[in-house]
Amino acid sequence: MEVSPKKIKIFKIRNRKGYAAVCLDHLTEGKSLSEVYSRMVKAIRRNNISVQGKPPELKKLLSSIK
C-alpha cells in the first residue's frame, strides 16, 4: 500500500519545543520538521506502507490544530 505525503499532518506542539505528525493512526514527535517527517515515514514503513516520493516542502504539510 502506498500513501501520499499530503496525508501526513504535521503540527506544532503547544507548551513544548518541537513538532508532532499524525498519519494512519500513527503519532510521532521530534524537534524539527525534517526529523518528524523521517520518523513518520519510518513508523509507517513498519506496517508495510510506503510513502510515494517526497513532499516539495515540509512547511506545506504543517497544519494548525485548534
PDB file of N, CA and C in Angstrom:
ATOM      1  N   MET A   1       0.845  -1.171   0.000  1.00  0.00           N
ATOM      2  CA  MET A   1       0.000   0.000   0.000  1.00  0.00           C
ATOM      3  C   MET A   1       0.894   1.238   0.000  1.00  0.00           C
ATOM      4  N   GLU A   2       0.461   2.246  -0.701  1.00  0.00           N
ATOM      5  CA  GLU A   2       1.216   3.494  -0.772  1.00  0.00           C
ATOM      6  C   GLU A   2       0.364   4.656  -0.286  1.00  0.00           C
ATOM      7  N   VAL A   3       1.024   5.634   0.329  1.00  0.00           N
ATOM      8  CA  VAL A   3       0.362   6.813   0.870  1.00  0.00           C
ATOM      9  C   VAL A   3       1.021   8.052   0.286  1.00  0.00           C
ATOM     10  N   SER A   4       0.232   9.057  -0.005  1.00  0.00           N
ATOM     11  CA  SER A   4       0.759  10.326  -0.478  1.00  0.00           C
ATOM     12  C   SER A   4       1.355  11.103   0.696  1.00  0.00           C
ATOM     13  N   PRO A   5       2.411  11.870   0.470  1.00  0.00           N
ATOM     14  CA  PRO A   5       2.978  12.679   1.558  1.00  0.00           C
ATOM     15  C   PRO A   5       1.979  13.699   2.107  1.00  0.00           C
ATOM     16  N   LYS A   6       0.966  14.049   1.327  1.00  0.00           N
ATOM     17  CA  LYS A   6      -0.040  15.011   1.780  1.00  0.00           C
ATOM     18  C   LYS A   6      -0.925  14.450   2.883  1.00  0.00           C
ATOM     19  N   LYS A   7      -0.933  13.144   3.067  1.00  0.00           N
ATOM     20  CA  LYS A   7      -1.727  12.515   4.125  1.00  0.00           C
ATOM     21  C   LYS A   7      -1.089  12.712   5.499  1.00  0.00           C
ATOM     22  N   ILE A   8       0.190  13.052   5.533  1.00  0.00           N
ATOM     23  CA  ILE A   8       0.894  13.267   6.796  1.00  0.00           C
ATOM     24  C   ILE A   8       0.630  14.698   7.259  1.00  0.00           C
ATOM     25  N   LYS A   9       0.057  14.840   8.446  1.00  0.00           N
ATOM     26  CA  LYS A   9      -0.241  16.148   9.018  1.00  0.00           C
ATOM     27  C   LYS A   9       0.773  16.445  10.115  1.00  0.00           C
ATOM     28  N   ILE A  10       1.488  17.553   9.971  1.00  0.00           N
ATOM     29  CA  ILE A  10       2.486  17.973  10.954  1.00  0.00           C
ATOM     30  C   ILE A  10       1.965  19.220  11.645  1.00  0.00           C
ATOM     31  N   PHE A  11       2.120  19.273  12.958  1.00  0.00           N
ATOM     32  CA  PHE A  11       1.660  20.445  13.691  1.00  0.00           C
ATOM     33  C   PHE A  11       2.617  20.754  14.838  1.00  0.00           C
ATOM     34  N   LYS A  12       2.574  22.010  15.278  1.00  0.00           N
ATOM     35  CA  LYS A  12       3.397  22.478  16.396  1.00  0.00           C
ATOM     36  C   LYS A  12       2.741  22.036  17.688  1.00  0.00           C
ATOM     37  N   ILE A  13       3.522  21.482  18.610  1.00  0.00           N
ATOM     38  CA  ILE A  13       3.007  21.039  19.896  1.00  0.00           C
ATOM     39  C   ILE A  13       2.941  22.244  20.835  1.00  0.00           C
ATOM     40  N   ARG A  14       1.785  22.449  21.445  1.00  0.00           N
ATOM     41  CA  ARG A  14       1.633  23.552  22.394  1.00  0.00           C
ATOM     42  C   ARG A  14       2.401  23.247  23.675  1.00  0.00           C
ATOM     43  N   ASN A  15       2.939  24.282  24.268  1.00  0.00           N
ATOM     44  CA  ASN A  15       3.657  24.203  25.546  1.00  0.00           C
ATOM     45  C   ASN A  15       4.883  23.298  25.498  1.00  0.00           C
ATOM     46  N   ARG A  16       5.406  23.040  24.325  1.00  0.00           N
ATOM     47  CA  ARG A  16       6.623  22.231  24.187  1.00  0.00           C
ATOM     48  C   ARG A  16       7.443  22.775  23.024  1.00  0.00           C
ATOM     49  N   LYS A  17       8.682  22.355  23.000  1.00  0.00           N
ATOM     50  CA  LYS A  17       9.530  22.661  21.854  1.00  0.00           C
ATOM     51  C   LYS A  17       9.422  21.492  20.901  1.00  0.00           C
ATOM     52  N   GLY A  18       9.050  21.733  19.677  1.00  0.00           N
ATOM     53  CA  GLY A  18       9.015  20.656  18.709  1.00  0.00           C
ATOM     54  C   GLY A  18       7.697  20.522  17.982  1.00  0.00           C
ATOM     55  N   TYR A  19       7.647  19.469  17.176  1.00  0.00           N
ATOM     56  CA  TYR A  19       6.511  19.211  16.306  1.00  0.00           C
ATOM     57  C   TYR A  19       6.037  17.778  16.487  1.00  0.00           C
ATOM     58  N   ALA A  20       4.835  17.502  15.997  1.00  0.00           N
ATOM     59  CA  ALA A  20       4.295  16.150  16.002  1.00  0.00           C
ATOM     60  C   ALA A  20       3.675  15.894  14.635  1.00  0.00           C
ATOM     61  N   ALA A  21       3.576  14.632  14.259  1.00  0.00           N
ATOM     62  CA  ALA A  21       2.977  14.243  12.982  1.00  0.00           C
ATOM     63  C   ALA A  21       1.982  13.112  13.219  1.00  0.00           C
ATOM     64  N   VAL A  22       0.891  13.144  12.441  1.00  0.00           N
ATOM     65  CA  VAL A  22      -0.148  12.123  12.529  1.00  0.00           C
ATOM     66  C   VAL A  22      -0.435  11.622  11.119  1.00  0.00           C
ATOM     67  N   CYS A  23      -0.529  10.290  10.996  1.00  0.00           N
ATOM     68  CA  CYS A  23      -0.887   9.681   9.723  1.00  0.00           C
ATOM     69  C   CYS A  23      -1.304   8.238   9.974  1.00  0.00           C
ATOM     70  N   LEU A  24      -2.491   7.868   9.510  1.00  0.00           N
ATOM     71  CA  LEU A  24      -2.980   6.493   9.609  1.00  0.00           C
ATOM     72  C   LEU A  24      -2.864   5.933  11.034  1.00  0.00           C
ATOM     73  N   ASP A  25      -3.347   6.681  12.004  1.00  0.00           N
ATOM     74  CA  ASP A  25      -3.331   6.279  13.418  1.00  0.00           C
ATOM     75  C   ASP A  25      -1.925   6.098  13.989  1.00  0.00           C
ATOM     76  N   HIS A  26      -0.939   6.777  13.406  1.00  0.00           N
ATOM     77  CA  HIS A  26       0.421   6.782  13.946  1.00  0.00           C
ATOM     78  C   HIS A  26       0.727   8.207  14.400  1.00  0.00           C
ATOM     79  N   LEU A  27       1.444   8.330  15.507  1.00  0.00           N
ATOM     80  CA  LEU A  27       1.827   9.624  16.043  1.00  0.00           C
ATOM     81  C   LEU A  27       3.317   9.610  16.333  1.00  0.00           C
ATOM     82  N   THR A  28       4.028  10.626  15.858  1.00  0.00           N
ATOM     83  CA  THR A  28       5.456  10.749  16.152  1.00  0.00           C
ATOM     84  C   THR A  28       5.752  12.174  16.591  1.00  0.00           C
ATOM     85  N   GLU A  29       6.851  12.357  17.308  1.00  0.00           N
ATOM     86  CA  GLU A  29       7.287  13.672  17.770  1.00  0.00           C
ATOM     87  C   GLU A  29       8.747  13.880  17.425  1.00  0.00           C
ATOM     88  N   GLY A  30       9.132  15.153  17.292  1.00  0.00           N
ATOM     89  CA  GLY A  30      10.521  15.471  17.015  1.00  0.00           C
ATOM     90  C   GLY A  30      10.788  16.951  17.190  1.00  0.00           C
ATOM     91  N   LYS A  31      12.059  17.320  17.136  1.00  0.00           N
ATOM     92  CA  LYS A  31      12.448  18.716  17.342  1.00  0.00           C
ATOM     93  C   LYS A  31      12.285  19.572  16.095  1.00  0.00           C
ATOM     94  N   SER A  32      12.451  18.980  14.923  1.00  0.00           N
ATOM     95  CA  SER A  32      12.364  19.757  13.687  1.00  0.00           C
ATOM     96  C   SER A  32      11.387  19.095  12.713  1.00  0.00           C
ATOM     97  N   LEU A  33      11.027  19.838  11.677  1.00  0.00           N
ATOM     98  CA  LEU A  33      10.098  19.308  10.677  1.00  0.00           C
ATOM     99  C   LEU A  33      10.670  18.092   9.966  1.00  0.00           C
ATOM    100  N   SER A  34      11.939  18.151   9.619  1.00  0.00           N
ATOM    101  CA  SER A  34      12.537  17.022   8.897  1.00  0.00           C
ATOM    102  C   SER A  34      12.650  15.785   9.785  1.00  0.00           C
ATOM    103  N   GLU A  35      12.934  15.975  11.074  1.00  0.00           N
ATOM    104  CA  GLU A  35      13.027  14.847  11.993  1.00  0.00           C
ATOM    105  C   GLU A  35      11.661  14.179  12.172  1.00  0.00           C
ATOM    106  N   VAL A  36      10.615  14.979  12.305  1.00  0.00           N
ATOM    107  CA  VAL A  36       9.265  14.432  12.469  1.00  0.00           C
ATOM    108  C   VAL A  36       8.851  13.676  11.218  1.00  0.00           C
ATOM    109  N   TYR A  37       9.132  14.243  10.055  1.00  0.00           N
ATOM    110  CA  TYR A  37       8.754  13.593   8.799  1.00  0.00           C
ATOM    111  C   TYR A  37       9.482  12.261   8.630  1.00  0.00           C
ATOM    112  N   SER A  38      10.774  12.241   8.895  1.00  0.00           N
ATOM    113  CA  SER A  38      11.522  10.997   8.732  1.00  0.00           C
ATOM    114  C   SER A  38      11.079   9.933   9.734  1.00  0.00           C
ATOM    115  N   ARG A  39      10.747  10.338  10.952  1.00  0.00           N
ATOM    116  CA  ARG A  39      10.249   9.384  11.940  1.00  0.00           C
ATOM    117  C   ARG A  39       8.888   8.829  11.530  1.00  0.00           C
ATOM    118  N   MET A  40       8.043   9.668  10.930  1.00  0.00           N
ATOM    119  CA  MET A  40       6.730   9.194  10.483  1.00  0.00           C
ATOM    120  C   MET A  40       6.871   8.202   9.337  1.00  0.00           C
ATOM    121  N   VAL A  41       7.747   8.487   8.409  1.00  0.00           N
ATOM    122  CA  VAL A  41       7.973   7.563   7.292  1.00  0.00           C
ATOM    123  C   VAL A  41       8.461   6.216   7.826  1.00  0.00           C
ATOM    124  N   LYS A  42       9.337   6.254   8.821  1.00  0.00           N
ATOM    125  CA  LYS A  42       9.852   5.026   9.417  1.00  0.00           C
ATOM    126  C   LYS A  42       8.742   4.255  10.139  1.00  0.00           C
ATOM    127  N   ALA A  43       7.860   4.973  10.845  1.00  0.00           N
ATOM    128  CA  ALA A  43       6.763   4.321  11.568  1.00  0.00           C
ATOM    129  C   ALA A  43       5.758   3.682  10.599  1.00  0.00           C
ATOM    130  N   ILE A  44       5.472   4.363   9.512  1.00  0.00           N
ATOM    131  CA  ILE A  44       4.539   3.823   8.513  1.00  0.00           C
ATOM    132  C   ILE A  44       5.152   2.618   7.811  1.00  0.00           C
ATOM    133  N   ARG A  45       6.459   2.690   7.557  1.00  0.00           N
ATOM    134  CA  ARG A  45       7.145   1.604   6.860  1.00  0.00           C
ATOM    135  C   ARG A  45       7.110   0.300   7.657  1.00  0.00           C
ATOM    136  N   ARG A  46       7.058   0.403   8.988  1.00  0.00           N
ATOM    137  CA  ARG A  46       6.986  -0.793   9.826  1.00  0.00           C
ATOM    138  C   ARG A  46       5.723  -1.612   9.578  1.00  0.00           C
ATOM    139  N   ASN A  47       4.665  -0.953   9.078  1.00  0.00           N
ATOM    140  CA  ASN A  47       3.401  -1.639   8.780  1.00  0.00           C
ATOM    141  C   ASN A  47       3.240  -1.904   7.280  1.00  0.00           C
ATOM    142  N   ASN A  48       4.348  -2.004   6.566  1.00  0.00           N
ATOM    143  CA  ASN A  48       4.358  -2.303   5.128  1.00  0.00           C
ATOM    144  C   ASN A  48       3.586  -1.292   4.299  1.00  0.00           C
ATOM    145  N   ILE A  49       3.664  -0.023   4.685  1.00  0.00           N
ATOM    146  CA  ILE A  49       3.057   1.067   3.929  1.00  0.00           C
ATOM    147  C   ILE A  49       4.192   1.998   3.511  1.00  0.00           C
ATOM    148  N   SER A  50       4.247   2.335   2.252  1.00  0.00           N
ATOM    149  CA  SER A  50       5.315   3.219   1.780  1.00  0.00           C
ATOM    150  C   SER A  50       4.747   4.587   1.413  1.00  0.00           C
ATOM    151  N   VAL A  51       5.616   5.573   1.378  1.00  0.00           N
ATOM    152  CA  VAL A  51       5.243   6.933   1.017  1.00  0.00           C
ATOM    153  C   VAL A  51       5.714   7.186  -0.399  1.00  0.00           C
ATOM    154  N   GLN A  52       4.809   7.678  -1.259  1.00  0.00           N
ATOM    155  CA  GLN A  52       5.148   7.957  -2.657  1.00  0.00           C
ATOM    156  C   GLN A  52       5.955   9.240  -2.736  1.00  0.00           C
ATOM    157  N   GLY A  53       7.185   9.151  -3.104  1.00  0.00           N
ATOM    158  CA  GLY A  53       8.019  10.325  -3.309  1.00  0.00           C
ATOM    159  C   GLY A  53       8.224  11.152  -2.064  1.00  0.00           C
ATOM    160  N   LYS A  54       8.671  12.387  -2.253  1.00  0.00           N
ATOM    161  CA  LYS A  54       8.897  13.311  -1.156  1.00  0.00           C
ATOM    162  C   LYS A  54       8.056  14.561  -1.389  1.00  0.00           C
ATOM    163  N   PRO A  55       7.646  15.229  -0.312  1.00  0.00           N
ATOM    164  CA  PRO A  55       6.886  16.469  -0.490  1.00  0.00           C
ATOM    165  C   PRO A  55       7.806  17.563  -1.009  1.00  0.00           C
ATOM    166  N   PRO A  56       7.278  18.503  -1.804  1.00  0.00           N
ATOM    167  CA  PRO A  56       8.122  19.585  -2.306  1.00  0.00           C
ATOM    168  C   PRO A  56       8.674  20.445  -1.167  1.00  0.00           C
ATOM    169  N   GLU A  57       7.850  20.705  -0.137  1.00  0.00           N
ATOM    170  CA  GLU A  57       8.291  21.468   1.024  1.00  0.00           C
ATOM    171  C   GLU A  57       7.631  20.894   2.259  1.00  0.00           C
ATOM    172  N   LEU A  58       8.361  20.704   3.317  1.00  0.00           N
ATOM    173  CA  LEU A  58       7.784  20.186   4.548  1.00  0.00           C
ATOM    174  C   LEU A  58       6.856  21.206   5.204  1.00  0.00           C
ATOM    175  N   LYS A  59       7.096  22.490   4.966  1.00  0.00           N
ATOM    176  CA  LYS A  59       6.246  23.515   5.553  1.00  0.00           C
ATOM    177  C   LYS A  59       4.818  23.449   5.009  1.00  0.00           C
ATOM    178  N   LYS A  60       4.643  22.865   3.817  1.00  0.00           N
ATOM    179  CA  LYS A  60       3.296  22.728   3.267  1.00  0.00           C
ATOM    180  C   LYS A  60       2.492  21.666   4.006  1.00  0.00           C
ATOM    181  N   LEU A  61       3.166  20.740   4.696  1.00  0.00           N
ATOM    182  CA  LEU A  61       2.467  19.729   5.480  1.00  0.00           C
ATOM    183  C   LEU A  61       2.081  20.245   6.862  1.00  0.00           C
ATOM    184  N   LEU A  62       2.626  21.393   7.240  1.00  0.00           N
ATOM    185  CA  LEU A  62       2.370  21.977   8.554  1.00  0.00           C
ATOM    186  C   LEU A  62       0.927  22.474   8.611  1.00  0.00           C
ATOM    187  N   SER A  63       0.164  22.016   9.596  1.00  0.00           N
ATOM    188  CA  SER A  63      -1.214  22.454   9.750  1.00  0.00           C
ATOM    189  C   SER A  63      -1.434  22.906  11.182  1.00  0.00           C
ATOM    190  N   SER A  64      -2.452  23.716  11.383  1.00  0.00           N
ATOM    191  CA  SER A  64      -2.740  24.186  12.736  1.00  0.00           C
ATOM    192  C   SER A  64      -3.853  23.344  13.334  1.00  0.00           C
ATOM    193  N   ILE A  65      -3.684  22.961  14.576  1.00  0.00           N
ATOM    194  CA  ILE A  65      -4.663  22.173  15.306  1.00  0.00           C
ATOM    195  C   ILE A  65      -5.230  23.074  16.399  1.00  0.00           C
ATOM    196  N   LYS A  66      -6.530  23.196  16.460  1.00  0.00           N
ATOM    197  CA  LYS A  66      -7.143  24.044  17.494  1.00  0.00           C
ATOM    198  C   LYS A  66      -7.930  23.201  18.448  1.00  0.00           C
TER     199      LYS A  66
END
